[in-house]
Amino acid sequence: MKILFDNGTPNPIARSLRGHDVAFARRVGWHELNNGELLKQAELAGFHVLVTTDKNIRYQQNLAGRRIAIVALGNQQWPDVRLHLDRIVAAIEAAAPGSYTEVEIPHNR
């Protein structure tokens, strides 16, 4: 599965996605694209899932008919995120084209 990490998505999550092809928006030069253009470019490049920390994307973009799924993380702080890697990986692996899944990640303070 081809997975794209949006800006703000903690890069270390990629280590938990063995067997998948993970790319990073910043590294492919898409870090300045707005959400609509990012989704369009990701679909054209054959990505299956966009992992983002932008929970508003589901209100800004019509996902009906999209070939890409979106998994949004409720928190981008690595000390919190690392405690929920199993849930994040499960959400990514279960994502279907045009779907939106939010993984809530509480702040551990």
N, C-alpha and C. Protein backbone atom coordinates (compact mmCIF):
# COMPACT_ATOMS: atom_id res chain seq x y z
N MET A 1 0.85 -1.17 0.00
CA MET A 1 0.00 0.00 0.00
C MET A 1 0.89 1.24 0.00
N LYS A 2 0.52 2.23 -0.80
CA LYS A 2 1.26 3.50 -0.84
C LYS A 2 0.59 4.48 0.12
N ILE A 3 1.40 4.99 1.04
CA ILE A 3 0.90 5.87 2.09
C ILE A 3 1.67 7.18 2.04
N LEU A 4 0.93 8.29 2.09
CA LEU A 4 1.53 9.62 2.11
C LEU A 4 1.32 10.26 3.46
N PHE A 5 2.39 10.74 4.07
CA PHE A 5 2.32 11.47 5.33
C PHE A 5 2.27 12.96 5.01
N ASP A 6 1.25 13.63 5.49
CA ASP A 6 1.09 15.07 5.33
C ASP A 6 2.01 15.78 6.32
N ASN A 7 2.15 17.08 6.16
CA ASN A 7 2.91 17.89 7.11
C ASN A 7 2.32 17.69 8.50
N GLY A 8 3.16 17.59 9.49
CA GLY A 8 2.69 17.45 10.87
C GLY A 8 2.55 16.02 11.33
N THR A 9 2.48 15.08 10.40
CA THR A 9 2.37 13.67 10.78
C THR A 9 3.75 13.22 11.27
N PRO A 10 3.84 12.69 12.48
CA PRO A 10 5.15 12.27 13.00
C PRO A 10 5.79 11.19 12.12
N ASN A 11 6.96 11.49 11.60
CA ASN A 11 7.67 10.57 10.71
C ASN A 11 7.95 9.19 11.32
N PRO A 12 8.23 9.08 12.63
CA PRO A 12 8.54 7.76 13.18
C PRO A 12 7.41 6.73 13.05
N ILE A 13 6.19 7.17 12.77
CA ILE A 13 5.10 6.22 12.55
C ILE A 13 5.45 5.28 11.40
N ALA A 14 6.19 5.77 10.43
CA ALA A 14 6.54 4.97 9.25
C ALA A 14 7.25 3.67 9.62
N ARG A 15 7.99 3.67 10.71
CA ARG A 15 8.70 2.45 11.13
C ARG A 15 7.73 1.33 11.48
N SER A 16 6.51 1.68 11.84
CA SER A 16 5.49 0.68 12.19
C SER A 16 4.70 0.21 10.98
N LEU A 17 5.03 0.71 9.81
CA LEU A 17 4.29 0.37 8.59
C LEU A 17 5.16 -0.44 7.64
N ARG A 18 5.85 -1.42 8.19
CA ARG A 18 6.71 -2.28 7.37
C ARG A 18 5.87 -2.97 6.30
N GLY A 19 6.45 -3.10 5.13
CA GLY A 19 5.75 -3.73 4.02
C GLY A 19 4.91 -2.76 3.21
N HIS A 20 4.85 -1.51 3.66
CA HIS A 20 4.13 -0.47 2.94
C HIS A 20 5.13 0.54 2.38
N ASP A 21 4.73 1.23 1.34
CA ASP A 21 5.55 2.27 0.72
C ASP A 21 5.11 3.61 1.29
N VAL A 22 5.93 4.21 2.16
CA VAL A 22 5.58 5.46 2.83
C VAL A 22 6.40 6.60 2.22
N ALA A 23 5.71 7.69 1.88
CA ALA A 23 6.36 8.90 1.38
C ALA A 23 5.90 10.07 2.24
N PHE A 24 6.65 11.15 2.17
CA PHE A 24 6.39 12.32 3.00
C PHE A 24 6.16 13.52 2.09
N ALA A 25 5.08 14.27 2.33
CA ALA A 25 4.72 15.41 1.47
C ALA A 25 5.90 16.37 1.31
N ARG A 26 6.60 16.64 2.38
CA ARG A 26 7.73 17.57 2.30
C ARG A 26 8.83 17.04 1.38
N ARG A 27 9.10 15.77 1.46
CA ARG A 27 10.20 15.19 0.67
C ARG A 27 9.87 15.08 -0.82
N VAL A 28 8.58 15.00 -1.16
CA VAL A 28 8.21 14.93 -2.59
C VAL A 28 7.83 16.30 -3.14
N GLY A 29 7.98 17.35 -2.32
CA GLY A 29 7.74 18.71 -2.77
C GLY A 29 6.29 19.14 -2.75
N TRP A 30 5.45 18.44 -2.00
CA TRP A 30 4.02 18.77 -1.94
C TRP A 30 3.63 19.45 -0.64
N HIS A 31 4.59 19.88 0.15
CA HIS A 31 4.32 20.43 1.48
C HIS A 31 3.60 21.77 1.46
N GLU A 32 3.60 22.47 0.33
CA GLU A 32 2.93 23.77 0.26
C GLU A 32 1.59 23.70 -0.48
N LEU A 33 1.18 22.52 -0.91
CA LEU A 33 -0.09 22.38 -1.63
C LEU A 33 -1.26 22.49 -0.66
N ASN A 34 -2.36 23.09 -1.14
CA ASN A 34 -3.56 23.09 -0.30
C ASN A 34 -4.13 21.68 -0.30
N ASN A 35 -5.06 21.41 0.60
CA ASN A 35 -5.57 20.05 0.77
C ASN A 35 -6.15 19.46 -0.51
N GLY A 36 -6.92 20.23 -1.24
CA GLY A 36 -7.53 19.72 -2.47
C GLY A 36 -6.49 19.31 -3.49
N GLU A 37 -5.49 20.14 -3.69
CA GLU A 37 -4.42 19.85 -4.64
C GLU A 37 -3.56 18.69 -4.15
N LEU A 38 -3.31 18.62 -2.86
CA LEU A 38 -2.54 17.52 -2.29
C LEU A 38 -3.25 16.19 -2.54
N LEU A 39 -4.55 16.14 -2.30
CA LEU A 39 -5.31 14.91 -2.55
C LEU A 39 -5.27 14.53 -4.03
N LYS A 40 -5.42 15.53 -4.89
CA LYS A 40 -5.39 15.28 -6.34
C LYS A 40 -4.04 14.70 -6.76
N GLN A 41 -2.95 15.32 -6.33
CA GLN A 41 -1.62 14.85 -6.70
C GLN A 41 -1.34 13.46 -6.12
N ALA A 42 -1.78 13.25 -4.89
CA ALA A 42 -1.57 11.95 -4.25
C ALA A 42 -2.31 10.85 -5.02
N GLU A 43 -3.54 11.13 -5.43
CA GLU A 43 -4.29 10.14 -6.20
C GLU A 43 -3.63 9.86 -7.54
N LEU A 44 -3.20 10.92 -8.22
CA LEU A 44 -2.53 10.75 -9.51
C LEU A 44 -1.25 9.92 -9.38
N ALA A 45 -0.59 10.04 -8.24
CA ALA A 45 0.65 9.29 -7.99
C ALA A 45 0.38 7.88 -7.46
N GLY A 46 -0.89 7.53 -7.28
CA GLY A 46 -1.24 6.17 -6.87
C GLY A 46 -1.22 5.90 -5.38
N PHE A 47 -1.27 6.95 -4.56
CA PHE A 47 -1.32 6.73 -3.11
C PHE A 47 -2.69 6.22 -2.71
N HIS A 48 -2.71 5.34 -1.73
CA HIS A 48 -3.95 4.75 -1.23
C HIS A 48 -4.47 5.46 0.01
N VAL A 49 -3.54 5.99 0.84
CA VAL A 49 -3.92 6.60 2.11
C VAL A 49 -3.10 7.87 2.33
N LEU A 50 -3.79 8.92 2.81
CA LEU A 50 -3.13 10.13 3.28
C LEU A 50 -3.27 10.14 4.80
N VAL A 51 -2.14 10.22 5.51
CA VAL A 51 -2.17 10.33 6.96
C VAL A 51 -1.88 11.79 7.29
N THR A 52 -2.78 12.41 8.05
CA THR A 52 -2.69 13.84 8.32
C THR A 52 -3.05 14.12 9.77
N THR A 53 -2.72 15.32 10.21
CA THR A 53 -3.16 15.78 11.52
C THR A 53 -4.22 16.87 11.37
N ASP A 54 -4.62 17.14 10.15
CA ASP A 54 -5.63 18.16 9.84
C ASP A 54 -7.02 17.53 9.90
N LYS A 55 -7.67 17.65 11.05
CA LYS A 55 -8.99 17.03 11.23
C LYS A 55 -10.08 17.78 10.46
N ASN A 56 -9.81 18.99 10.01
CA ASN A 56 -10.79 19.76 9.25
C ASN A 56 -10.88 19.34 7.80
N ILE A 57 -9.96 18.53 7.33
CA ILE A 57 -9.93 18.14 5.93
C ILE A 57 -11.24 17.48 5.49
N ARG A 58 -11.88 16.76 6.38
CA ARG A 58 -13.12 16.09 6.00
C ARG A 58 -14.25 17.08 5.75
N TYR A 59 -14.17 18.27 6.33
CA TYR A 59 -15.18 19.30 6.09
C TYR A 59 -14.83 20.15 4.88
N GLN A 60 -13.56 20.18 4.52
CA GLN A 60 -13.10 21.02 3.42
C GLN A 60 -13.12 20.30 2.08
N GLN A 61 -13.10 18.97 2.10
CA GLN A 61 -12.97 18.20 0.86
C GLN A 61 -14.11 17.19 0.74
N ASN A 62 -14.63 17.05 -0.46
CA ASN A 62 -15.64 16.03 -0.73
C ASN A 62 -14.90 14.72 -1.01
N LEU A 63 -15.10 13.75 -0.17
CA LEU A 63 -14.37 12.49 -0.30
C LEU A 63 -15.11 11.47 -1.16
N ALA A 64 -16.36 11.76 -1.50
CA ALA A 64 -17.14 10.83 -2.33
C ALA A 64 -16.45 10.66 -3.69
N GLY A 65 -16.27 9.43 -4.08
CA GLY A 65 -15.64 9.12 -5.36
C GLY A 65 -14.12 9.20 -5.36
N ARG A 66 -13.54 9.53 -4.25
CA ARG A 66 -12.07 9.59 -4.17
C ARG A 66 -11.49 8.18 -4.15
N ARG A 67 -10.30 8.05 -4.71
CA ARG A 67 -9.59 6.77 -4.69
C ARG A 67 -8.66 6.68 -3.49
N ILE A 68 -8.50 7.78 -2.77
CA ILE A 68 -7.60 7.82 -1.63
C ILE A 68 -8.42 7.89 -0.34
N ALA A 69 -7.91 7.24 0.69
CA ALA A 69 -8.53 7.30 2.02
C ALA A 69 -7.74 8.29 2.87
N ILE A 70 -8.40 8.83 3.88
CA ILE A 70 -7.74 9.75 4.80
C ILE A 70 -7.81 9.19 6.21
N VAL A 71 -6.66 9.17 6.87
CA VAL A 71 -6.59 8.81 8.29
C VAL A 71 -6.05 10.05 9.00
N ALA A 72 -6.87 10.63 9.88
CA ALA A 72 -6.49 11.84 10.61
C ALA A 72 -6.14 11.48 12.05
N LEU A 73 -5.03 12.01 12.50
CA LEU A 73 -4.60 11.79 13.87
C LEU A 73 -5.08 12.93 14.75
N GLY A 74 -5.61 12.61 15.90
CA GLY A 74 -6.15 13.62 16.80
C GLY A 74 -5.10 14.37 17.59
N ASN A 75 -3.84 14.03 17.40
CA ASN A 75 -2.75 14.63 18.16
C ASN A 75 -1.47 14.33 17.38
N GLN A 76 -0.58 15.28 17.31
CA GLN A 76 0.66 15.05 16.56
C GLN A 76 1.90 14.97 17.43
N GLN A 77 1.73 15.01 18.73
CA GLN A 77 2.87 14.98 19.64
C GLN A 77 3.39 13.55 19.78
N TRP A 78 4.62 13.33 19.35
CA TRP A 78 5.19 11.98 19.32
C TRP A 78 5.11 11.24 20.66
N PRO A 79 5.38 11.88 21.80
CA PRO A 79 5.27 11.13 23.06
C PRO A 79 3.87 10.53 23.27
N ASP A 80 2.85 11.20 22.77
CA ASP A 80 1.47 10.70 22.87
C ASP A 80 1.19 9.69 21.75
N VAL A 81 1.58 10.04 20.54
CA VAL A 81 1.30 9.21 19.36
C VAL A 81 1.92 7.82 19.51
N ARG A 82 3.13 7.74 19.99
CA ARG A 82 3.84 6.45 20.06
C ARG A 82 3.11 5.42 20.92
N LEU A 83 2.27 5.90 21.83
CA LEU A 83 1.51 5.00 22.69
C LEU A 83 0.30 4.38 21.98
N HIS A 84 0.01 4.86 20.77
CA HIS A 84 -1.18 4.42 20.04
C HIS A 84 -0.86 3.93 18.63
N LEU A 85 0.37 3.49 18.44
CA LEU A 85 0.79 3.05 17.10
C LEU A 85 -0.05 1.90 16.59
N ASP A 86 -0.44 0.97 17.45
CA ASP A 86 -1.24 -0.17 17.00
C ASP A 86 -2.58 0.29 16.44
N ARG A 87 -3.22 1.27 17.06
CA ARG A 87 -4.50 1.79 16.57
C ARG A 87 -4.33 2.56 15.26
N ILE A 88 -3.23 3.29 15.14
CA ILE A 88 -2.95 4.05 13.92
C ILE A 88 -2.72 3.10 12.76
N VAL A 89 -1.88 2.10 12.96
CA VAL A 89 -1.59 1.11 11.92
C VAL A 89 -2.87 0.38 11.51
N ALA A 90 -3.69 0.00 12.48
CA ALA A 90 -4.94 -0.70 12.18
C ALA A 90 -5.86 0.19 11.34
N ALA A 91 -5.94 1.47 11.65
CA ALA A 91 -6.79 2.39 10.89
C ALA A 91 -6.28 2.55 9.46
N ILE A 92 -4.98 2.63 9.30
CA ILE A 92 -4.39 2.76 7.96
C ILE A 92 -4.66 1.50 7.14
N GLU A 93 -4.43 0.35 7.75
CA GLU A 93 -4.61 -0.91 7.02
C GLU A 93 -6.07 -1.19 6.69
N ALA A 94 -7.00 -0.64 7.46
CA ALA A 94 -8.43 -0.86 7.21
C ALA A 94 -9.05 0.21 6.31
N ALA A 95 -8.29 1.23 5.96
CA ALA A 95 -8.83 2.35 5.19
C ALA A 95 -9.28 1.90 3.80
N ALA A 96 -10.43 2.41 3.40
CA ALA A 96 -11.01 2.10 2.08
C ALA A 96 -11.06 3.39 1.26
N PRO A 97 -10.99 3.28 -0.06
CA PRO A 97 -11.04 4.46 -0.91
C PRO A 97 -12.21 5.38 -0.55
N GLY A 98 -11.93 6.67 -0.43
CA GLY A 98 -12.96 7.65 -0.12
C GLY A 98 -13.37 7.73 1.33
N SER A 99 -12.72 6.96 2.20
CA SER A 99 -13.10 6.94 3.61
C SER A 99 -12.30 7.96 4.41
N TYR A 100 -12.86 8.34 5.54
CA TYR A 100 -12.20 9.22 6.50
C TYR A 100 -12.27 8.53 7.86
N THR A 101 -11.11 8.37 8.48
CA THR A 101 -11.04 7.76 9.81
C THR A 101 -10.23 8.68 10.70
N GLU A 102 -10.76 8.96 11.87
CA GLU A 102 -10.03 9.77 12.83
C GLU A 102 -9.58 8.89 13.98
N VAL A 103 -8.30 8.95 14.29
CA VAL A 103 -7.75 8.19 15.42
C VAL A 103 -7.53 9.20 16.55
N GLU A 104 -8.36 9.09 17.56
CA GLU A 104 -8.22 9.99 18.71
C GLU A 104 -7.00 9.55 19.53
N ILE A 105 -6.19 10.51 19.88
CA ILE A 105 -4.98 10.26 20.65
C ILE A 105 -4.97 11.27 21.80
N PRO A 106 -5.25 10.80 23.00
CA PRO A 106 -5.30 11.74 24.14
C PRO A 106 -3.91 12.29 24.47
N HIS A 107 -3.93 13.49 25.01
CA HIS A 107 -2.68 14.10 25.49
C HIS A 107 -2.35 13.48 26.84
N ASN A 108 -1.17 12.95 26.98
CA ASN A 108 -0.74 12.32 28.25
C ASN A 108 0.12 13.33 29.00
N ARG A 109 -0.47 13.96 29.94
CA ARG A 109 0.27 14.96 30.72
C ARG A 109 0.21 14.61 32.17
